[in-house]
N, C-alpha and C. Protein backbone atom coordinates (compact mmCIF):
# COMPACT_ATOMS: atom_id res chain seq x y z
N UNK A 1 16.84 55.04 -32.36
CA UNK A 1 15.60 54.98 -33.24
C UNK A 1 14.93 56.76 -33.51
N UNK A 2 15.05 57.14 -34.64
CA UNK A 2 14.49 58.17 -34.65
C UNK A 2 13.03 58.10 -35.40
N UNK A 3 12.45 57.24 -35.78
CA UNK A 3 11.38 57.19 -36.01
C UNK A 3 11.12 56.95 -37.59
N UNK A 4 12.13 57.32 -38.13
CA UNK A 4 12.16 57.66 -39.77
C UNK A 4 13.17 56.39 -40.55
N UNK A 5 12.95 55.58 -40.20
CA UNK A 5 13.02 54.03 -40.72
C UNK A 5 12.18 53.41 -41.09
N UNK A 6 12.95 52.93 -42.61
CA UNK A 6 11.59 51.92 -43.55
C UNK A 6 10.28 51.11 -43.06
N UNK A 7 11.35 50.85 -41.88
CA UNK A 7 10.37 49.26 -41.15
C UNK A 7 9.02 50.08 -40.03
N UNK A 8 9.62 51.08 -39.76
CA UNK A 8 8.89 51.56 -38.61
C UNK A 8 8.01 52.37 -39.33
N UNK A 9 8.08 53.18 -40.45
CA UNK A 9 7.11 54.05 -40.99
C UNK A 9 6.22 53.17 -41.67
N UNK A 10 5.03 53.48 -41.52
CA UNK A 10 3.65 52.11 -42.27
C UNK A 10 3.72 52.92 -43.85
N UNK A 11 3.17 52.40 -44.50
CA UNK A 11 2.76 52.64 -46.18
C UNK A 11 1.97 53.81 -46.44
N UNK A 12 2.80 54.85 -47.04
CA UNK A 12 1.39 55.98 -47.28
C UNK A 12 0.59 55.99 -48.32
N UNK A 13 -0.58 56.40 -48.13
CA UNK A 13 -1.49 55.94 -49.00
C UNK A 13 -1.74 57.76 -49.46
N UNK A 14 -1.80 57.28 -50.84
CA UNK A 14 -1.78 58.91 -51.99
C UNK A 14 -2.67 58.23 -52.79
N UNK A 15 -3.73 59.06 -52.52
CA UNK A 15 -4.23 59.09 -53.92
C UNK A 15 -5.27 57.03 -53.98
N UNK A 16 -4.97 56.61 -52.72
CA UNK A 16 -5.91 55.30 -52.83
C UNK A 16 -4.44 54.17 -53.51
N UNK A 17 -3.31 54.55 -53.62
CA UNK A 17 -1.97 54.03 -53.60
C UNK A 17 -1.26 53.79 -52.31
N UNK A 18 -1.36 52.50 -51.86
CA UNK A 18 -0.24 52.64 -51.10
C UNK A 18 1.33 52.25 -51.06
N UNK A 19 1.72 53.11 -50.69
CA UNK A 19 3.57 52.77 -50.72
C UNK A 19 4.55 53.49 -50.15
N UNK A 20 5.67 53.04 -49.70
CA UNK A 20 6.16 53.54 -49.23
C UNK A 20 7.38 54.21 -50.00
N UNK A 21 8.12 54.92 -49.90
CA UNK A 21 8.49 56.10 -50.93
C UNK A 21 10.38 55.37 -50.76
N UNK A 22 10.46 55.05 -49.14
CA UNK A 22 12.09 54.70 -49.09
C UNK A 22 12.41 53.32 -49.63
N UNK A 23 11.41 52.54 -49.84
CA UNK A 23 11.85 50.92 -50.09
C UNK A 23 11.16 50.65 -51.74
N UNK A 24 12.00 50.75 -52.40
CA UNK A 24 12.50 50.90 -53.92
C UNK A 24 11.00 51.32 -55.24
N UNK A 25 11.52 52.88 -55.01
CA UNK A 25 10.09 53.25 -55.70
C UNK A 25 10.89 53.07 -57.19
N UNK A 26 11.99 52.11 -57.80
CA UNK A 26 11.86 52.21 -58.93
C UNK A 26 11.26 50.96 -59.14
N UNK A 27 10.26 50.50 -58.51
CA UNK A 27 9.24 49.47 -58.62
C UNK A 27 8.32 49.69 -59.01
N UNK A 28 7.92 51.50 -58.68
CA UNK A 28 6.88 51.53 -58.71
C UNK A 28 6.26 51.99 -60.12
N UNK A 29 5.76 51.16 -61.03
CA UNK A 29 5.70 51.60 -62.44
C UNK A 29 4.56 51.96 -62.57
N UNK A 30 3.86 52.24 -62.47
CA UNK A 30 2.14 52.21 -62.48
C UNK A 30 2.08 54.16 -62.65
N UNK A 31 1.07 54.56 -62.93
CA UNK A 31 0.60 55.78 -63.23
C UNK A 31 -0.74 56.13 -62.62
N UNK A 32 -1.00 57.24 -62.42
CA UNK A 32 -2.35 57.66 -62.42
C UNK A 32 -3.14 57.31 -63.35
N UNK A 33 -3.40 57.42 -64.14
CA UNK A 33 -4.23 56.88 -65.03
C UNK A 33 -4.17 55.27 -65.47
N UNK A 34 -3.53 54.46 -64.42
CA UNK A 34 -3.62 53.29 -63.80
C UNK A 34 -4.15 52.44 -62.84
N UNK A 35 -4.90 53.62 -62.24
CA UNK A 35 -5.68 53.03 -61.11
C UNK A 35 -7.45 53.16 -61.28
N UNK A 36 -7.74 52.38 -62.58
CA UNK A 36 -8.78 52.33 -62.46
C UNK A 36 -8.82 50.93 -63.45
N UNK A 37 -8.17 50.50 -63.97
CA UNK A 37 -7.47 49.06 -64.18
C UNK A 37 -7.86 48.30 -63.20
N UNK A 38 -8.60 47.40 -64.10
CA UNK A 38 -9.34 45.95 -63.78
C UNK A 38 -7.55 45.30 -62.65
N UNK A 39 -7.82 44.43 -61.96
CA UNK A 39 -6.54 44.23 -61.18
C UNK A 39 -6.38 42.67 -61.34
N UNK A 40 -5.57 41.75 -61.82
CA UNK A 40 -5.57 40.75 -61.97
C UNK A 40 -5.76 40.21 -60.96
N UNK A 41 -5.70 38.81 -61.10
CA UNK A 41 -6.01 37.95 -59.80
C UNK A 41 -4.72 37.95 -58.81
N UNK A 42 -4.92 37.47 -57.80
CA UNK A 42 -3.53 37.65 -56.81
C UNK A 42 -2.92 36.06 -57.02
N UNK A 43 -1.90 36.08 -57.56
CA UNK A 43 -0.91 34.43 -57.66
C UNK A 43 -1.24 34.31 -56.32
N UNK A 44 -1.64 32.66 -56.25
CA UNK A 44 -1.44 32.25 -55.13
C UNK A 44 -0.47 31.09 -54.88
N UNK A 45 0.09 30.55 -55.19
CA UNK A 45 1.03 29.39 -56.01
C UNK A 45 1.97 30.41 -56.96
N UNK A 46 3.66 29.75 -56.49
CA UNK A 46 5.17 30.43 -57.41
C UNK A 46 4.29 29.97 -58.45
N UNK A 47 3.96 29.12 -58.90
CA UNK A 47 3.68 29.08 -60.69
C UNK A 47 3.09 30.14 -60.74
N UNK A 48 2.43 30.44 -60.20
CA UNK A 48 1.22 31.50 -60.78
C UNK A 48 1.51 32.71 -60.97
N UNK A 49 2.97 33.17 -59.35
CA UNK A 49 3.30 34.19 -59.94
C UNK A 49 4.34 34.70 -60.72
N UNK A 50 5.01 33.31 -61.34
CA UNK A 50 6.11 33.30 -62.29
C UNK A 50 5.36 33.63 -63.35
N UNK A 51 4.14 33.36 -63.71
CA UNK A 51 3.71 33.90 -64.95
C UNK A 51 3.15 34.40 -64.88
N UNK A 52 2.63 35.01 -63.51
CA UNK A 52 2.26 36.70 -64.03
C UNK A 52 2.84 37.78 -64.80
N UNK A 53 2.66 38.74 -65.52
CA UNK A 53 2.77 39.66 -66.32
C UNK A 53 4.37 40.57 -65.35
N UNK A 54 5.24 40.59 -66.36
CA UNK A 54 5.82 41.12 -65.54
C UNK A 54 5.68 42.92 -65.91
N UNK A 55 5.98 43.66 -64.49
CA UNK A 55 5.11 44.95 -64.33
C UNK A 55 5.76 45.91 -65.54
N UNK A 56 7.18 46.12 -65.75
CA UNK A 56 7.73 46.82 -67.20
C UNK A 56 7.11 46.32 -68.23
N UNK A 57 6.43 45.01 -68.13
CA UNK A 57 5.98 44.90 -69.48
C UNK A 57 5.02 45.43 -69.74
N UNK A 58 3.69 45.38 -68.29
CA UNK A 58 2.63 46.01 -68.25
C UNK A 58 2.31 47.34 -68.17
N UNK A 59 3.44 47.78 -67.59
CA UNK A 59 3.29 49.35 -67.84
C UNK A 59 3.57 50.18 -68.75
N UNK A 60 4.39 49.02 -70.19
CA UNK A 60 4.16 49.51 -71.89
C UNK A 60 3.44 49.49 -72.14
N UNK A 61 3.05 48.09 -71.95
CA UNK A 61 1.16 48.18 -72.60
C UNK A 61 0.16 48.84 -71.75
N UNK A 62 0.36 49.82 -71.50
CA UNK A 62 -0.58 50.88 -70.59
C UNK A 62 -0.15 52.02 -71.72
N UNK A 63 0.99 52.54 -71.72
CA UNK A 63 1.57 53.19 -72.37
C UNK A 63 1.27 53.12 -73.90
N UNK A 64 1.31 51.85 -74.58
CA UNK A 64 1.14 51.58 -75.96
C UNK A 64 -0.40 51.90 -76.18
N UNK A 65 -1.11 51.12 -74.72
CA UNK A 65 -3.05 51.51 -74.68
C UNK A 65 -3.56 52.68 -75.58
N UNK A 66 -2.62 53.69 -74.29
CA UNK A 66 -2.80 54.89 -74.75
C UNK A 66 -2.32 55.39 -75.97
N UNK A 67 -1.65 55.20 -77.08
CA UNK A 67 -0.98 55.29 -78.09
C UNK A 67 -2.07 55.05 -79.14
N UNK A 68 -2.38 53.75 -78.90
CA UNK A 68 -3.77 52.91 -79.89
C UNK A 68 -4.80 53.60 -79.79
N UNK A 69 -4.92 54.30 -78.58
CA UNK A 69 -6.27 55.10 -78.26
C UNK A 69 -6.22 56.43 -79.54
N UNK A 70 -5.42 56.92 -79.34
CA UNK A 70 -5.26 58.22 -79.93
C UNK A 70 -5.46 58.62 -81.30
N UNK A 71 -4.40 57.40 -81.46
CA UNK A 71 -4.72 56.90 -83.22
C UNK A 71 -6.02 56.73 -83.65
N UNK A 72 -6.67 55.61 -82.97
CA UNK A 72 -7.94 55.22 -83.65
C UNK A 72 -8.72 56.43 -83.59
N UNK A 73 -8.77 57.65 -82.64
CA UNK A 73 -9.43 59.04 -82.63
C UNK A 73 -9.72 59.88 -84.13
N UNK A 74 -8.01 60.07 -84.54
CA UNK A 74 -7.67 60.84 -85.24
C UNK A 74 -8.03 59.74 -86.42
N UNK A 75 -7.85 58.66 -86.63
CA UNK A 75 -7.77 57.50 -87.98
C UNK A 75 -9.14 57.52 -88.37
N UNK A 76 -9.95 57.26 -87.20
CA UNK A 76 -10.89 57.06 -87.38
C UNK A 76 -11.82 58.06 -87.96
N UNK A 77 -11.34 59.82 -87.98
CA UNK A 77 -11.87 61.21 -88.38
C UNK A 77 -11.35 61.58 -89.50
N UNK A 78 -9.99 61.20 -89.61
CA UNK A 78 -9.48 60.73 -91.15
C UNK A 78 -9.90 60.26 -92.25
N UNK A 79 -10.21 58.96 -91.32
CA UNK A 79 -10.65 58.10 -92.46
C UNK A 79 -11.70 58.01 -93.12
N UNK A 80 -12.74 59.28 -92.39
CA UNK A 80 -14.38 59.14 -92.83
C UNK A 80 -14.17 60.21 -93.40
N UNK A 81 -13.02 61.65 -93.38
CA UNK A 81 -13.20 62.37 -94.70
C UNK A 81 -12.62 62.15 -95.49
N UNK A 82 -11.32 61.01 -95.37
CA UNK A 82 -10.70 60.84 -97.12
C UNK A 82 -11.92 59.53 -97.70
N UNK A 83 -12.55 59.26 -97.37
CA UNK A 83 -13.70 57.89 -97.35
C UNK A 83 -14.82 59.05 -98.80
N UNK A 84 -15.72 60.12 -97.65
CA UNK A 84 -16.49 60.55 -98.39
C UNK A 84 -15.71 61.57 -99.24
N UNK A 85 -14.78 62.06 -99.58
CA UNK A 85 -14.29 62.53 -100.46
C UNK A 85 -14.35 62.29 -101.79
N UNK A 86 -13.29 60.81 -101.55
CA UNK A 86 -12.44 60.31 -102.79
C UNK A 86 -14.70 59.34 -102.96
N UNK A 87 -15.23 59.01 -102.58
CA UNK A 87 -16.99 58.47 -102.59
C UNK A 87 -17.34 59.60 -103.59
N UNK A 88 -17.09 60.69 -103.06
CA UNK A 88 -17.78 62.14 -103.46
C UNK A 88 -17.27 62.20 -105.20
N UNK A 89 -16.27 61.89 -105.26
CA UNK A 89 -15.85 61.60 -106.56
C UNK A 89 -16.31 61.20 -107.89
N UNK A 90 -16.84 59.91 -107.62
CA UNK A 90 -17.01 58.61 -108.44
C UNK A 90 -18.73 59.40 -108.76
N UNK A 91 -19.23 59.67 -108.75
CA UNK A 91 -20.41 60.21 -109.35
C UNK A 91 -20.55 61.77 -110.11
N UNK A 92 -19.21 62.56 -109.20
CA UNK A 92 -19.02 63.16 -110.01
C UNK A 92 -18.14 63.26 -111.90
N UNK A 93 -17.58 62.38 -111.50
CA UNK A 93 -16.22 61.76 -112.56
C UNK A 93 -17.68 61.18 -113.84
N UNK A 94 -18.52 60.05 -113.10
CA UNK A 94 -19.77 58.99 -114.22
C UNK A 94 -20.54 60.44 -114.60
N UNK A 95 -20.93 61.20 -114.02
CA UNK A 95 -22.01 62.21 -114.32
C UNK A 95 -23.53 61.74 -114.33
N UNK A 96 -24.12 62.87 -114.77
CA UNK A 96 -25.69 62.06 -114.47
C UNK A 96 -27.02 63.36 -114.94
N UNK A 97 -27.57 62.94 -114.81
CA UNK A 97 -28.75 64.60 -115.04
C UNK A 97 -29.02 65.08 -114.32
N UNK A 98 -28.70 65.21 -113.18
CA UNK A 98 -28.69 66.42 -112.16
C UNK A 98 -27.38 67.65 -112.36
N UNK A 99 -26.52 67.09 -112.68
CA UNK A 99 -25.07 67.46 -112.93
C UNK A 99 -25.50 67.70 -114.32
N UNK A 100 -26.04 67.19 -114.98
CA UNK A 100 -26.19 68.15 -117.18
C UNK A 100 -27.21 69.53 -116.98
N UNK A 101 -28.30 69.57 -115.49
CA UNK A 101 -28.48 69.96 -115.84
C UNK A 101 -28.47 71.26 -115.16
N UNK A 102 -27.60 71.25 -114.30
CA UNK A 102 -26.81 72.24 -113.59
C UNK A 102 -27.86 72.69 -111.92
N UNK A 103 -28.41 71.09 -111.65
CA UNK A 103 -28.82 70.98 -110.34
C UNK A 103 -28.24 70.46 -109.11
N UNK A 104 -27.00 70.10 -109.45
CA UNK A 104 -26.18 70.07 -108.48
C UNK A 104 -24.32 69.55 -109.07
N UNK A 105 -23.37 69.26 -108.60
CA UNK A 105 -22.32 68.85 -109.01
C UNK A 105 -21.65 68.20 -108.32
N UNK A 106 -21.57 67.27 -107.43
CA UNK A 106 -21.35 66.28 -107.24
C UNK A 106 -22.04 65.00 -107.10
N UNK A 107 -23.17 65.21 -106.41
CA UNK A 107 -23.83 63.90 -106.47
C UNK A 107 -24.95 63.93 -108.02
N UNK A 108 -24.58 63.43 -109.24
CA UNK A 108 -25.24 64.09 -110.03
C UNK A 108 -26.68 63.07 -110.00
N UNK A 109 -26.75 62.12 -109.31
CA UNK A 109 -28.23 61.28 -109.09
C UNK A 109 -28.51 60.49 -108.19
N UNK A 110 -30.05 60.77 -108.68
CA UNK A 110 -31.12 60.32 -107.07
C UNK A 110 -30.11 59.27 -106.03
N UNK A 111 -30.00 58.38 -106.99
CA UNK A 111 -29.18 57.46 -106.34
C UNK A 111 -27.89 57.08 -105.72
N UNK A 112 -27.15 58.46 -105.96
CA UNK A 112 -26.31 58.85 -105.15
C UNK A 112 -26.16 59.52 -104.32
N UNK A 113 -27.27 60.28 -104.49
CA UNK A 113 -27.81 61.57 -103.29
C UNK A 113 -28.26 60.24 -101.92
N UNK A 114 -28.50 59.27 -102.47
CA UNK A 114 -29.44 58.17 -101.59
C UNK A 114 -28.26 57.40 -100.82
N UNK A 115 -27.33 57.16 -101.48
CA UNK A 115 -26.24 56.45 -100.96
C UNK A 115 -24.82 56.64 -100.47
N UNK A 116 -24.90 57.66 -101.34
CA UNK A 116 -23.27 58.67 -100.53
C UNK A 116 -23.30 58.78 -98.71
N UNK A 117 -24.76 59.10 -98.67
CA UNK A 117 -24.96 59.71 -96.97
C UNK A 117 -24.62 57.97 -96.39
N UNK A 118 -25.12 57.55 -97.13
CA UNK A 118 -25.34 55.67 -95.87
C UNK A 118 -24.30 55.48 -96.26
N UNK A 119 -23.31 55.49 -97.14
CA UNK A 119 -21.54 54.32 -97.10
C UNK A 119 -20.79 55.42 -96.23
N UNK A 120 -21.03 56.84 -96.49
CA UNK A 120 -19.81 57.65 -95.65
C UNK A 120 -20.50 57.52 -94.25
N UNK A 121 -21.59 57.42 -93.62
CA UNK A 121 -21.83 56.91 -92.30
C UNK A 121 -21.51 55.59 -91.63
N UNK A 122 -20.93 54.43 -92.58
CA UNK A 122 -20.84 53.67 -91.55
C UNK A 122 -19.54 53.93 -91.71
N UNK A 123 -18.31 54.41 -91.41
CA UNK A 123 -16.74 54.59 -91.23
C UNK A 123 -17.03 55.14 -89.52
N UNK A 124 -17.61 56.34 -89.51
CA UNK A 124 -17.71 56.49 -87.81
C UNK A 124 -18.88 55.52 -87.09
N UNK A 125 -19.97 54.62 -87.66
CA UNK A 125 -20.34 54.11 -86.56
C UNK A 125 -19.75 52.85 -86.37
N UNK A 126 -18.69 52.85 -87.64
CA UNK A 126 -17.58 51.36 -87.28
C UNK A 126 -16.81 52.11 -86.79
N UNK A 127 -16.25 52.64 -86.25
CA UNK A 127 -15.32 53.21 -85.65
C UNK A 127 -15.46 53.22 -83.87
N UNK A 128 -16.95 53.78 -83.85
CA UNK A 128 -17.20 53.54 -82.30
C UNK A 128 -17.71 52.48 -82.10
N UNK A 129 -17.95 51.44 -82.66
CA UNK A 129 -18.61 49.77 -82.24
C UNK A 129 -16.91 49.08 -82.35
N UNK A 130 -16.19 49.69 -83.32
CA UNK A 130 -15.23 48.95 -82.99
C UNK A 130 -13.67 49.98 -81.71
N UNK A 131 -13.96 50.67 -81.25
CA UNK A 131 -13.40 51.63 -80.03
C UNK A 131 -14.33 50.56 -78.49
N UNK A 132 -15.49 50.30 -78.66
CA UNK A 132 -16.37 50.23 -77.74
C UNK A 132 -15.42 48.63 -77.54
N UNK A 133 -15.40 47.84 -78.47
CA UNK A 133 -14.92 46.34 -78.64
C UNK A 133 -13.46 46.86 -77.68
N UNK A 134 -12.80 46.91 -78.63
CA UNK A 134 -11.52 47.90 -77.88
C UNK A 134 -11.31 47.65 -76.26
N UNK A 135 -12.06 48.28 -76.04
CA UNK A 135 -12.14 48.99 -74.81
C UNK A 135 -12.75 47.96 -73.67
N UNK A 136 -13.47 47.24 -74.19
CA UNK A 136 -14.05 46.10 -73.56
C UNK A 136 -12.37 45.01 -72.99
N UNK A 137 -12.27 44.80 -74.49
CA UNK A 137 -10.97 43.99 -74.43
C UNK A 137 -9.74 44.42 -73.54
N UNK A 138 -9.18 45.55 -73.48
CA UNK A 138 -8.57 46.46 -72.54
C UNK A 138 -8.77 46.36 -71.45
N UNK A 139 -10.25 46.39 -70.58
CA UNK A 139 -10.33 46.17 -69.36
C UNK A 139 -10.62 44.77 -69.21
N UNK A 140 -10.94 43.79 -69.71
CA UNK A 140 -11.03 42.82 -69.22
C UNK A 140 -8.97 41.91 -69.49
N UNK A 141 -8.78 42.58 -69.78
CA UNK A 141 -6.95 41.70 -70.06
C UNK A 141 -6.06 42.73 -68.93
N UNK A 142 -6.58 43.68 -67.79
CA UNK A 142 -5.82 44.27 -67.02
C UNK A 142 -5.18 45.55 -67.98
N UNK A 143 -5.33 45.61 -69.15
CA UNK A 143 -4.72 46.87 -69.52
C UNK A 143 -5.78 48.21 -69.51
N UNK A 144 -4.58 49.61 -69.19
CA UNK A 144 -5.10 51.00 -69.73
C UNK A 144 -6.52 51.00 -70.67
N UNK A 145 -7.62 51.25 -70.09
CA UNK A 145 -8.81 51.36 -70.72
C UNK A 145 -9.46 52.98 -70.94
N UNK A 146 -9.04 53.35 -70.22
CA UNK A 146 -9.50 54.58 -69.56
C UNK A 146 -9.74 55.57 -71.15
N UNK A 147 -8.12 55.84 -71.23
CA UNK A 147 -8.27 56.42 -73.10
C UNK A 147 -9.17 56.01 -74.02
N UNK A 148 -9.65 54.83 -73.60
CA UNK A 148 -10.71 54.34 -74.58
C UNK A 148 -12.02 54.79 -74.57
N UNK A 149 -12.38 54.80 -73.46
CA UNK A 149 -13.75 55.55 -73.20
C UNK A 149 -13.72 56.65 -73.35
N UNK A 150 -12.92 57.92 -73.86
CA UNK A 150 -12.65 59.05 -73.84
C UNK A 150 -12.49 59.41 -75.50
N UNK A 151 -11.53 58.25 -75.71
CA UNK A 151 -12.11 58.43 -77.19
C UNK A 151 -13.65 57.89 -78.14
N UNK A 152 -14.07 56.87 -77.25
CA UNK A 152 -15.37 56.90 -77.33
C UNK A 152 -15.99 58.31 -77.25
N UNK A 153 -15.86 58.78 -76.12
CA UNK A 153 -17.14 60.31 -76.00
C UNK A 153 -16.67 61.14 -76.61
N UNK A 154 -15.57 60.91 -77.65
CA UNK A 154 -15.65 61.91 -78.90
C UNK A 154 -16.03 61.53 -79.75
N UNK A 155 -15.87 60.27 -79.94
CA UNK A 155 -16.43 59.85 -81.67
C UNK A 155 -17.86 59.80 -81.67
N UNK A 156 -18.72 59.89 -80.69
CA UNK A 156 -20.12 59.61 -80.49
C UNK A 156 -20.40 60.84 -80.89
N UNK A 157 -20.01 62.24 -81.07
CA UNK A 157 -20.40 63.51 -81.02
C UNK A 157 -19.78 63.78 -82.54
N UNK A 158 -19.01 62.85 -82.88
CA UNK A 158 -18.36 63.37 -84.59
C UNK A 158 -19.57 62.68 -84.96
N UNK A 159 -19.74 61.15 -84.97
CA UNK A 159 -20.33 60.71 -85.59
C UNK A 159 -21.92 61.34 -85.63
N UNK A 160 -22.21 61.49 -84.68
CA UNK A 160 -23.71 62.30 -84.53
C UNK A 160 -23.34 63.89 -85.49
N UNK A 161 -22.66 64.22 -85.21
CA UNK A 161 -22.40 65.34 -86.32
C UNK A 161 -22.71 65.14 -87.99
N UNK A 162 -21.23 64.17 -87.99
CA UNK A 162 -21.49 63.98 -89.69
C UNK A 162 -22.27 63.43 -90.23
N UNK A 163 -23.21 62.50 -89.21
CA UNK A 163 -25.04 61.70 -89.81
C UNK A 163 -25.33 63.25 -89.94
N UNK A 164 -25.55 63.98 -89.03
CA UNK A 164 -26.52 65.13 -88.74
C UNK A 164 -26.42 66.00 -90.74
N UNK A 165 -25.14 66.46 -90.92
CA UNK A 165 -24.83 66.83 -92.31
C UNK A 165 -25.03 66.15 -93.40
N UNK A 166 -24.67 64.56 -93.41
CA UNK A 166 -24.94 64.42 -94.55
C UNK A 166 -26.29 63.21 -94.81
N UNK A 167 -26.60 63.10 -93.55
CA UNK A 167 -28.10 62.92 -93.99
C UNK A 167 -29.62 64.03 -94.33
N UNK A 168 -29.59 64.63 -94.62
CA UNK A 168 -30.15 65.82 -95.19
C UNK A 168 -29.94 65.78 -96.63
N UNK A 169 -28.57 65.61 -97.01
CA UNK A 169 -29.06 64.87 -98.07
C UNK A 169 -30.01 63.68 -98.63
N UNK A 170 -29.46 62.79 -97.78
CA UNK A 170 -30.56 61.57 -98.01
C UNK A 170 -31.73 61.79 -98.20
N UNK A 171 -32.58 62.84 -97.12
CA UNK A 171 -33.83 63.17 -96.50
C UNK A 171 -34.35 63.73 -97.74
N UNK A 172 -33.50 64.80 -98.40
CA UNK A 172 -33.84 65.89 -99.32
C UNK A 172 -34.28 64.46 -100.59
N UNK A 173 -33.50 63.88 -100.93
CA UNK A 173 -33.39 63.00 -102.11
C UNK A 173 -34.62 61.78 -101.44
N UNK A 174 -34.58 61.72 -100.12
CA UNK A 174 -36.23 60.74 -100.51
C UNK A 174 -37.01 61.31 -100.31
N UNK A 175 -37.14 62.93 -100.14
CA UNK A 175 -38.90 63.92 -100.53
C UNK A 175 -38.79 64.31 -101.60
N UNK A 176 -37.74 63.89 -102.51
CA UNK A 176 -38.37 64.19 -103.69
C UNK A 176 -38.76 63.45 -104.45
């Protein structure tokens, strides 16, 4: 024996992952992004082992979680902008004293100058809260959750920037 047999080689530790590449590498369905996932409880009986999630199914769930997180990020940003644009057309079409006097073009009444910033800020706030809830649910279901944490930390500055810009209209309307 030369010492290269898989039975004599101990498993290698690569970044916290124990595996022996000589023994069935096709069964290694984890990626580096999955090592922060919570580990499901170890099966204690044959029934628990039989009812546990198939590794291929879990790997697909992990990939799907990443795609969902990216979709949530762009969906929240696009929905915010589209909703704000559509909502801005309502007072413009309705008209009002500020538009007739030439003081405003879009938000033609004081009430719209108050309500438009508040209503358009609901979408990014709901996006952050929804992302946080989904992230915790993914964590508790032993699914890849780190992309959701990344989306959460991108949505926070986006919402802050959105509210900083739109609430200036609200402050000016309340000060008049």
